[in-house]
PDB file of N, CA and C in Angstrom:
ATOM      1  N   UNK A   1     -54.582 -20.091  12.292  1.00  0.00           N
ATOM      2  CA  UNK A   1     -55.122 -19.882  12.592  1.00  0.00           C
ATOM      3  C   UNK A   1     -54.012 -18.547  13.509  1.00  0.00           C
ATOM      4  N   UNK A   2     -54.226 -17.060  13.353  1.00  0.00           N
ATOM      5  CA  UNK A   2     -52.458 -16.171  13.147  1.00  0.00           C
ATOM      6  C   UNK A   2     -52.828 -15.595  14.800  1.00  0.00           C
ATOM      7  N   UNK A   3     -52.208 -15.651  15.430  1.00  0.00           N
ATOM      8  CA  UNK A   3     -52.302 -14.564  17.029  1.00  0.00           C
ATOM      9  C   UNK A   3     -52.020 -13.432  16.347  1.00  0.00           C
ATOM     10  N   UNK A   4     -53.259 -12.092  16.718  1.00  0.00           N
ATOM     11  CA  UNK A   4     -53.162 -11.113  16.450  1.00  0.00           C
ATOM     12  C   UNK A   4     -53.163 -10.354  18.312  1.00  0.00           C
ATOM     13  N   UNK A   5     -52.199  -9.252  17.967  1.00  0.00           N
ATOM     14  CA  UNK A   5     -51.752  -8.998  19.201  1.00  0.00           C
ATOM     15  C   UNK A   5     -52.433  -7.595  20.044  1.00  0.00           C
ATOM     16  N   UNK A   6     -53.817  -7.553  18.833  1.00  0.00           N
ATOM     17  CA  UNK A   6     -54.557  -6.950  20.192  1.00  0.00           C
ATOM     18  C   UNK A   6     -55.662  -7.196  20.339  1.00  0.00           C
ATOM     19  N   UNK A   7     -55.768  -8.871  20.069  1.00  0.00           N
ATOM     20  CA  UNK A   7     -56.607  -9.498  21.024  1.00  0.00           C
ATOM     21  C   UNK A   7     -55.737  -9.658  22.129  1.00  0.00           C
ATOM     22  N   UNK A   8     -54.920 -10.128  22.310  1.00  0.00           N
ATOM     23  CA  UNK A   8     -53.282 -10.775  23.823  1.00  0.00           C
ATOM     24  C   UNK A   8     -53.931  -8.822  24.429  1.00  0.00           C
ATOM     25  N   UNK A   9     -53.406  -8.296  24.278  1.00  0.00           N
ATOM     26  CA  UNK A   9     -53.599  -7.408  24.286  1.00  0.00           C
ATOM     27  C   UNK A   9     -55.070  -7.272  25.852  1.00  0.00           C
ATOM     28  N   UNK A  10     -56.208  -7.017  25.156  1.00  0.00           N
ATOM     29  CA  UNK A  10     -56.636  -7.038  25.499  1.00  0.00           C
ATOM     30  C   UNK A  10     -57.456  -7.968  26.805  1.00  0.00           C
ATOM     31  N   UNK A  11     -56.920  -9.266  26.102  1.00  0.00           N
ATOM     32  CA  UNK A  11     -57.541 -10.573  27.224  1.00  0.00           C
ATOM     33  C   UNK A  11     -56.261 -11.179  27.857  1.00  0.00           C
ATOM     34  N   UNK A  12     -55.474 -11.162  26.803  1.00  0.00           N
ATOM     35  CA  UNK A  12     -53.340 -11.319  27.848  1.00  0.00           C
ATOM     36  C   UNK A  12     -53.508 -13.053  27.517  1.00  0.00           C
ATOM     37  N   UNK A  13     -54.437 -13.540  26.623  1.00  0.00           N
ATOM     38  CA  UNK A  13     -54.640 -14.599  26.169  1.00  0.00           C
ATOM     39  C   UNK A  13     -54.234 -14.644  24.420  1.00  0.00           C
ATOM     40  N   UNK A  14     -53.493 -15.881  23.697  1.00  0.00           N
ATOM     41  CA  UNK A  14     -52.860 -15.752  22.234  1.00  0.00           C
ATOM     42  C   UNK A  14     -54.814 -17.042  22.007  1.00  0.00           C
ATOM     43  N   UNK A  15     -54.905 -16.697  20.291  1.00  0.00           N
ATOM     44  CA  UNK A  15     -55.404 -17.237  19.867  1.00  0.00           C
ATOM     45  C   UNK A  15     -55.071 -19.101  19.994  1.00  0.00           C
ATOM     46  N   UNK A  16     -53.739 -19.524  19.800  1.00  0.00           N
ATOM     47  CA  UNK A  16     -53.803 -20.530  20.352  1.00  0.00           C
ATOM     48  C   UNK A  16     -54.136 -21.342  21.607  1.00  0.00           C
ATOM     49  N   UNK A  17     -53.872 -19.889  22.974  1.00  0.00           N
ATOM     50  CA  UNK A  17     -54.134 -20.424  24.171  1.00  0.00           C
ATOM     51  C   UNK A  17     -55.301 -21.093  24.203  1.00  0.00           C
ATOM     52  N   UNK A  18     -56.453 -19.867  23.165  1.00  0.00           N
ATOM     53  CA  UNK A  18     -57.995 -20.077  23.117  1.00  0.00           C
ATOM     54  C   UNK A  18     -58.213 -21.373  22.740  1.00  0.00           C
ATOM     55  N   UNK A  19     -56.940 -22.031  21.391  1.00  0.00           N
ATOM     56  CA  UNK A  19     -57.739 -23.703  20.286  1.00  0.00           C
ATOM     57  C   UNK A  19     -57.589 -24.588  22.075  1.00  0.00           C
ATOM     58  N   UNK A  20     -56.584 -24.547  23.209  1.00  0.00           N
ATOM     59  CA  UNK A  20     -55.981 -25.411  24.120  1.00  0.00           C
ATOM     60  C   UNK A  20     -57.222 -24.398  25.338  1.00  0.00           C
ATOM     61  N   UNK A  21     -58.033 -23.885  25.591  1.00  0.00           N
ATOM     62  CA  UNK A  21     -59.012 -24.243  26.471  1.00  0.00           C
ATOM     63  C   UNK A  21     -60.519 -23.671  25.606  1.00  0.00           C
ATOM     64  N   UNK A  22     -60.899 -23.981  24.619  1.00  0.00           N
ATOM     65  CA  UNK A  22     -61.532 -24.315  24.082  1.00  0.00           C
ATOM     66  C   UNK A  22     -62.833 -25.326  25.212  1.00  0.00           C
ATOM     67  N   UNK A  23     -62.636 -26.590  25.024  1.00  0.00           N
ATOM     68  CA  UNK A  23     -63.504 -27.807  25.677  1.00  0.00           C
ATOM     69  C   UNK A  23     -63.386 -27.171  26.710  1.00  0.00           C
ATOM     70  N   UNK A  24     -62.467 -26.688  27.973  1.00  0.00           N
ATOM     71  CA  UNK A  24     -62.388 -26.333  29.565  1.00  0.00           C
ATOM     72  C   UNK A  24     -63.841 -25.777  29.654  1.00  0.00           C
ATOM     73  N   UNK A  25     -63.335 -24.547  28.203  1.00  0.00           N
ATOM     74  CA  UNK A  25     -64.666 -23.560  28.046  1.00  0.00           C
ATOM     75  C   UNK A  25     -65.650 -23.421  27.814  1.00  0.00           C
ATOM     76  N   UNK A  26     -65.901 -24.790  26.816  1.00  0.00           N
ATOM     77  CA  UNK A  26     -67.305 -25.075  26.698  1.00  0.00           C
ATOM     78  C   UNK A  26     -68.104 -25.508  27.192  1.00  0.00           C
ATOM     79  N   UNK A  27     -67.296 -26.569  28.282  1.00  0.00           N
ATOM     80  CA  UNK A  27     -67.723 -26.820  29.224  1.00  0.00           C
ATOM     81  C   UNK A  27     -67.796 -26.878  30.339  1.00  0.00           C
ATOM     82  N   UNK A  28     -67.512 -25.558  30.486  1.00  0.00           N
ATOM     83  CA  UNK A  28     -67.761 -24.543  32.016  1.00  0.00           C
ATOM     84  C   UNK A  28     -66.949 -25.003  32.808  1.00  0.00           C
ATOM     85  N   UNK A  29     -65.182 -25.346  32.676  1.00  0.00           N
ATOM     86  CA  UNK A  29     -64.376 -25.687  33.931  1.00  0.00           C
ATOM     87  C   UNK A  29     -63.242 -25.097  34.151  1.00  0.00           C
ATOM     88  N   UNK A  30     -63.938 -23.870  33.648  1.00  0.00           N
ATOM     89  CA  UNK A  30     -62.098 -23.198  34.143  1.00  0.00           C
ATOM     90  C   UNK A  30     -62.901 -22.418  34.874  1.00  0.00           C
ATOM     91  N   UNK A  31     -61.538 -21.496  36.081  1.00  0.00           N
ATOM     92  CA  UNK A  31     -62.147 -20.398  37.083  1.00  0.00           C
ATOM     93  C   UNK A  31     -62.276 -19.639  36.596  1.00  0.00           C
ATOM     94  N   UNK A  32     -62.989 -18.971  36.603  1.00  0.00           N
ATOM     95  CA  UNK A  32     -63.903 -17.567  36.279  1.00  0.00           C
ATOM     96  C   UNK A  32     -62.813 -17.108  36.300  1.00  0.00           C
ATOM     97  N   UNK A  33     -62.123 -16.221  36.265  1.00  0.00           N
ATOM     98  CA  UNK A  33     -60.246 -15.314  35.851  1.00  0.00           C
ATOM     99  C   UNK A  33     -60.511 -16.166  34.987  1.00  0.00           C
ATOM    100  N   UNK A  34     -60.382 -17.279  34.374  1.00  0.00           N
ATOM    101  CA  UNK A  34     -59.627 -17.394  32.818  1.00  0.00           C
ATOM    102  C   UNK A  34     -61.058 -17.861  31.982  1.00  0.00           C
ATOM    103  N   UNK A  35     -62.701 -17.188  32.717  1.00  0.00           N
ATOM    104  CA  UNK A  35     -63.232 -17.894  31.021  1.00  0.00           C
ATOM    105  C   UNK A  35     -63.645 -16.049  30.990  1.00  0.00           C
ATOM    106  N   UNK A  36     -63.614 -15.265  32.311  1.00  0.00           N
ATOM    107  CA  UNK A  36     -63.558 -13.931  31.322  1.00  0.00           C
ATOM    108  C   UNK A  36     -63.241 -13.552  30.105  1.00  0.00           C
ATOM    109  N   UNK A  37     -61.869 -13.552  30.730  1.00  0.00           N
ATOM    110  CA  UNK A  37     -60.083 -13.979  29.925  1.00  0.00           C
ATOM    111  C   UNK A  37     -60.376 -14.186  28.417  1.00  0.00           C
ATOM    112  N   UNK A  38     -60.966 -15.258  28.404  1.00  0.00           N
ATOM    113  CA  UNK A  38     -61.144 -16.199  27.001  1.00  0.00           C
ATOM    114  C   UNK A  38     -62.562 -14.971  26.458  1.00  0.00           C
ATOM    115  N   UNK A  39     -63.486 -14.800  27.100  1.00  0.00           N
ATOM    116  CA  UNK A  39     -64.524 -14.887  26.490  1.00  0.00           C
ATOM    117  C   UNK A  39     -64.316 -12.835  26.451  1.00  0.00           C
ATOM    118  N   UNK A  40     -63.480 -12.278  26.993  1.00  0.00           N
ATOM    119  CA  UNK A  40     -62.825 -11.203  26.147  1.00  0.00           C
ATOM    120  C   UNK A  40     -62.023 -11.142  24.619  1.00  0.00           C
ATOM    121  N   UNK A  41     -61.251 -12.520  24.767  1.00  0.00           N
ATOM    122  CA  UNK A  41     -60.809 -12.509  23.761  1.00  0.00           C
ATOM    123  C   UNK A  41     -61.593 -12.827  22.534  1.00  0.00           C
ATOM    124  N   UNK A  42     -62.664 -13.717  22.806  1.00  0.00           N
ATOM    125  CA  UNK A  42     -63.420 -14.012  21.575  1.00  0.00           C
ATOM    126  C   UNK A  42     -64.642 -13.008  21.498  1.00  0.00           C
ATOM    127  N   UNK A  43     -64.493 -12.266  21.949  1.00  0.00           N
ATOM    128  CA  UNK A  43     -65.388 -10.507  21.704  1.00  0.00           C
ATOM    129  C   UNK A  43     -63.822 -10.320  20.703  1.00  0.00           C
ATOM    130  N   UNK A  44     -63.477 -10.534  20.551  1.00  0.00           N
ATOM    131  CA  UNK A  44     -62.735  -9.135  19.709  1.00  0.00           C
ATOM    132  C   UNK A  44     -61.983 -10.505  18.432  1.00  0.00           C
ATOM    133  N   UNK A  45     -62.397 -11.257  18.595  1.00  0.00           N
ATOM    134  CA  UNK A  45     -61.209 -11.904  17.611  1.00  0.00           C
ATOM    135  C   UNK A  45     -62.376 -12.755  17.002  1.00  0.00           C
ATOM    136  N   UNK A  46     -63.095 -12.138  14.865  1.00  0.00           N
ATOM    137  CA  UNK A  46     -64.186 -13.478  14.588  1.00  0.00           C
ATOM    138  C   UNK A  46     -62.794 -14.957  14.160  1.00  0.00           C
ATOM    139  N   UNK A  47     -62.048 -15.027  13.578  1.00  0.00           N
ATOM    140  CA  UNK A  47     -61.415 -16.751  14.210  1.00  0.00           C
ATOM    141  C   UNK A  47     -61.762 -17.087  15.425  1.00  0.00           C
ATOM    142  N   UNK A  48     -61.323 -16.263  16.138  1.00  0.00           N
ATOM    143  CA  UNK A  48     -61.279 -17.399  17.404  1.00  0.00           C
ATOM    144  C   UNK A  48     -62.670 -17.856  18.264  1.00  0.00           C
ATOM    145  N   UNK A  49     -63.419 -17.086  17.721  1.00  0.00           N
ATOM    146  CA  UNK A  49     -64.931 -17.013  17.986  1.00  0.00           C
ATOM    147  C   UNK A  49     -65.830 -18.374  16.669  1.00  0.00           C
ATOM    148  N   UNK A  50     -65.439 -18.139  14.792  1.00  0.00           N
ATOM    149  CA  UNK A  50     -65.755 -19.330  14.799  1.00  0.00           C
ATOM    150  C   UNK A  50     -65.244 -20.461  15.205  1.00  0.00           C
ATOM    151  N   UNK A  51     -64.071 -20.657  15.657  1.00  0.00           N
ATOM    152  CA  UNK A  51     -62.900 -22.589  15.993  1.00  0.00           C
ATOM    153  C   UNK A  51     -63.801 -22.669  17.320  1.00  0.00           C
ATOM    154  N   UNK A  52     -64.656 -22.154  17.518  1.00  0.00           N
ATOM    155  CA  UNK A  52     -65.180 -22.075  19.345  1.00  0.00           C
ATOM    156  C   UNK A  52     -66.527 -22.519  19.003  1.00  0.00           C
ATOM    157  N   UNK A  53     -67.168 -21.837  18.198  1.00  0.00           N
ATOM    158  CA  UNK A  53     -68.650 -22.221  17.077  1.00  0.00           C
ATOM    159  C   UNK A  53     -68.634 -23.623  16.574  1.00  0.00           C
ATOM    160  N   UNK A  54     -67.716 -23.807  15.656  1.00  0.00           N
ATOM    161  CA  UNK A  54     -67.563 -25.192  15.318  1.00  0.00           C
ATOM    162  C   UNK A  54     -67.370 -26.214  16.751  1.00  0.00           C
ATOM    163  N   UNK A  55     -66.399 -25.952  17.212  1.00  0.00           N
ATOM    164  CA  UNK A  55     -65.916 -27.544  18.103  1.00  0.00           C
ATOM    165  C   UNK A  55     -67.966 -27.199  18.918  1.00  0.00           C
ATOM    166  N   UNK A  56     -68.109 -26.027  19.353  1.00  0.00           N
ATOM    167  CA  UNK A  56     -69.772 -26.279  19.927  1.00  0.00           C
ATOM    168  C   UNK A  56     -70.560 -27.085  19.359  1.00  0.00           C
ATOM    169  N   UNK A  57     -70.017 -27.056  17.719  1.00  0.00           N
ATOM    170  CA  UNK A  57     -71.440 -27.624  17.203  1.00  0.00           C
ATOM    171  C   UNK A  57     -70.716 -29.039  17.087  1.00  0.00           C
ATOM    172  N   UNK A  58     -69.236 -29.439  16.788  1.00  0.00           N
ATOM    173  CA  UNK A  58     -69.184 -30.753  16.697  1.00  0.00           C
ATOM    174  C   UNK A  58     -69.759 -31.614  18.064  1.00  0.00           C
ATOM    175  N   UNK A  59     -69.991 -30.739  19.181  1.00  0.00           N
ATOM    176  CA  UNK A  59     -69.791 -31.832  20.589  1.00  0.00           C
ATOM    177  C   UNK A  59     -71.493 -31.370  20.863  1.00  0.00           C
ATOM    178  N   UNK A  60     -71.851 -30.367  20.342  1.00  0.00           N
ATOM    179  CA  UNK A  60     -74.442 -30.835  19.908  1.00  0.00           C
ATOM    180  C   UNK A  60     -73.698 -32.702  19.216  1.00  0.00           C
ATOM    181  N   UNK A  61     -73.478 -32.648  18.268  1.00  0.00           N
ATOM    182  CA  UNK A  61     -73.482 -33.673  17.307  1.00  0.00           C
ATOM    183  C   UNK A  61     -73.104 -34.665  17.791  1.00  0.00           C
ATOM    184  N   UNK A  62     -72.493 -35.033  18.708  1.00  0.00           N
ATOM    185  CA  UNK A  62     -71.797 -36.261  19.103  1.00  0.00           C
ATOM    186  C   UNK A  62     -72.969 -36.604  20.307  1.00  0.00           C
ATOM    187  N   UNK A  63     -73.202 -35.380  21.202  1.00  0.00           N
ATOM    188  CA  UNK A  63     -74.689 -35.998  21.652  1.00  0.00           C
ATOM    189  C   UNK A  63     -75.585 -36.578  21.220  1.00  0.00           C
ATOM    190  N   UNK A  64     -75.288 -36.240  20.147  1.00  0.00           N
ATOM    191  CA  UNK A  64     -76.794 -37.106  19.612  1.00  0.00           C
ATOM    192  C   UNK A  64     -76.123 -39.088  19.029  1.00  0.00           C
ATOM    193  N   UNK A  65     -74.626 -38.938  18.727  1.00  0.00           N
ATOM    194  CA  UNK A  65     -74.401 -39.955  18.129  1.00  0.00           C
ATOM    195  C   UNK A  65     -74.985 -41.395  20.102  1.00  0.00           C
ATOM    196  N   UNK A  66     -74.702 -42.593  19.290  1.00  0.00           N
ATOM    197  CA  UNK A  66     -75.157 -43.806  20.528  1.00  0.00           C
ATOM    198  C   UNK A  66     -74.365 -44.024  20.778  1.00  0.00           C
ATOM    199  N   UNK A  67     -73.638 -44.198  22.455  1.00  0.00           N
ATOM    200  CA  UNK A  67     -73.256 -44.086  23.000  1.00  0.00           C
ATOM    201  C   UNK A  67     -72.216 -46.384  23.541  1.00  0.00           C
ATOM    202  N   UNK A  68     -71.545 -46.190  22.284  1.00  0.00           N
ATOM    203  CA  UNK A  68     -71.202 -47.294  22.279  1.00  0.00           C
ATOM    204  C   UNK A  68     -70.018 -48.237  22.870  1.00  0.00           C
ATOM    205  N   UNK A  69     -70.038 -49.562  23.492  1.00  0.00           N
ATOM    206  CA  UNK A  69     -68.967 -49.366  24.980  1.00  0.00           C
ATOM    207  C   UNK A  69     -68.390 -50.600  23.976  1.00  0.00           C
ATOM    208  N   UNK A  70     -66.982 -50.706  24.464  1.00  0.00           N
ATOM    209  CA  UNK A  70     -66.729 -51.963  23.794  1.00  0.00           C
ATOM    210  C   UNK A  70     -67.094 -53.330  24.903  1.00  0.00           C
ATOM    211  N   UNK A  71     -66.807 -54.608  24.283  1.00  0.00           N
ATOM    212  CA  UNK A  71     -67.492 -56.017  24.547  1.00  0.00           C
ATOM    213  C   UNK A  71     -67.161 -56.075  25.971  1.00  0.00           C
ATOM    214  N   UNK A  72     -67.122 -56.974  27.043  1.00  0.00           N
ATOM    215  CA  UNK A  72     -65.743 -57.254  28.592  1.00  0.00           C
ATOM    216  C   UNK A  72     -65.275 -57.712  27.729  1.00  0.00           C
ATOM    217  N   UNK A  73     -64.915 -58.753  26.329  1.00  0.00           N
ATOM    218  CA  UNK A  73     -63.889 -59.464  26.094  1.00  0.00           C
ATOM    219  C   UNK A  73     -62.567 -57.994  25.820  1.00  0.00           C
ATOM    220  N   UNK A  74     -63.344 -56.798  24.242  1.00  0.00           N
ATOM    221  CA  UNK A  74     -62.503 -56.217  23.569  1.00  0.00           C
ATOM    222  C   UNK A  74     -62.060 -55.352  25.217  1.00  0.00           C
ATOM    223  N   UNK A  75     -62.631 -55.150  26.099  1.00  0.00           N
ATOM    224  CA  UNK A  75     -62.804 -54.521  26.922  1.00  0.00           C
ATOM    225  C   UNK A  75     -61.158 -55.059  27.609  1.00  0.00           C
ATOM    226  N   UNK A  76     -61.472 -55.962  28.195  1.00  0.00           N
ATOM    227  CA  UNK A  76     -60.253 -56.707  28.742  1.00  0.00           C
ATOM    228  C   UNK A  76     -58.327 -56.386  27.899  1.00  0.00           C
ATOM    229  N   UNK A  77     -58.881 -57.027  27.023  1.00  0.00           N
ATOM    230  CA  UNK A  77     -58.038 -56.680  26.252  1.00  0.00           C
ATOM    231  C   UNK A  77     -57.169 -54.523  25.578  1.00  0.00           C
ATOM    232  N   UNK A  78     -57.960 -54.455  25.201  1.00  0.00           N
ATOM    233  CA  UNK A  78     -57.508 -53.316  25.735  1.00  0.00           C
ATOM    234  C   UNK A  78     -56.812 -53.108  26.768  1.00  0.00           C
ATOM    235  N   UNK A  79     -57.235 -53.340  28.101  1.00  0.00           N
ATOM    236  CA  UNK A  79     -56.300 -52.778  29.341  1.00  0.00           C
ATOM    237  C   UNK A  79     -55.181 -53.574  29.409  1.00  0.00           C
ATOM    238  N   UNK A  80     -55.290 -54.851  28.585  1.00  0.00           N
ATOM    239  CA  UNK A  80     -53.709 -55.676  28.748  1.00  0.00           C
ATOM    240  C   UNK A  80     -52.978 -55.041  28.234  1.00  0.00           C
ATOM    241  N   UNK A  81     -53.767 -54.102  26.454  1.00  0.00           N
ATOM    242  CA  UNK A  81     -52.322 -53.840  25.936  1.00  0.00           C
ATOM    243  C   UNK A  81     -52.151 -52.506  26.372  1.00  0.00           C
ATOM    244  N   UNK A  82     -52.829 -51.712  27.286  1.00  0.00           N
ATOM    245  CA  UNK A  82     -52.743 -51.039  27.246  1.00  0.00           C
ATOM    246  C   UNK A  82     -51.155 -50.226  28.793  1.00  0.00           C
ATOM    247  N   UNK A  83     -52.391 -51.988  29.294  1.00  0.00           N
ATOM    248  CA  UNK A  83     -51.005 -52.184  30.309  1.00  0.00           C
ATOM    249  C   UNK A  83     -49.580 -52.404  30.186  1.00  0.00           C
ATOM    250  N   UNK A  84     -49.224 -53.023  28.758  1.00  0.00           N
ATOM    251  CA  UNK A  84     -48.307 -53.374  27.898  1.00  0.00           C
ATOM    252  C   UNK A  84     -47.437 -51.978  27.505  1.00  0.00           C
ATOM    253  N   UNK A  85     -48.045 -51.145  27.270  1.00  0.00           N
ATOM    254  CA  UNK A  85     -47.309 -49.994  26.472  1.00  0.00           C
ATOM    255  C   UNK A  85     -47.516 -48.766  27.391  1.00  0.00           C
ATOM    256  N   UNK A  86     -47.257 -48.849  28.681  1.00  0.00           N
ATOM    257  CA  UNK A  86     -47.086 -47.902  29.603  1.00  0.00           C
ATOM    258  C   UNK A  86     -46.274 -47.352  29.862  1.00  0.00           C
ATOM    259  N   UNK A  87     -45.009 -46.563  30.202  1.00  0.00           N
ATOM    260  CA  UNK A  87     -43.868 -47.347  30.211  1.00  0.00           C
ATOM    261  C   UNK A  87     -44.139 -45.517  31.430  1.00  0.00           C
ATOM    262  N   UNK A  88     -42.815 -46.313  32.658  1.00  0.00           N
ATOM    263  CA  UNK A  88     -42.571 -45.549  33.519  1.00  0.00           C
ATOM    264  C   UNK A  88     -42.099 -44.090  33.264  1.00  0.00           C
ATOM    265  N   UNK A  89     -42.995 -43.249  34.469  1.00  0.00           N
ATOM    266  CA  UNK A  89     -42.489 -42.343  35.150  1.00  0.00           C
ATOM    267  C   UNK A  89     -41.075 -41.507  35.659  1.00  0.00           C
ATOM    268  N   UNK A  90     -40.247 -41.224  34.431  1.00  0.00           N
ATOM    269  CA  UNK A  90     -38.928 -41.397  35.528  1.00  0.00           C
ATOM    270  C   UNK A  90     -38.620 -39.465  36.348  1.00  0.00           C
TER     271      UNK A  90
END
């Protein structure tokens, strides 16, 4: 996805920033000012509109999938594995 200068001027956001904000935009977790800027960008950028629509379709489809959780023993194994893999922040 290319960044188009005209879209950046209107909304102050690049196409790349739209891809980073898409999930929060669709989940309505953006502050109002950021949401308006994303909406302005989408109004002027067909490529980003298509991208956001595709992600929305994926989210909708995933809602129909069964909610599977690991068994208690696998959950324990995963927790132990992740605990071993964590590196302390410096």
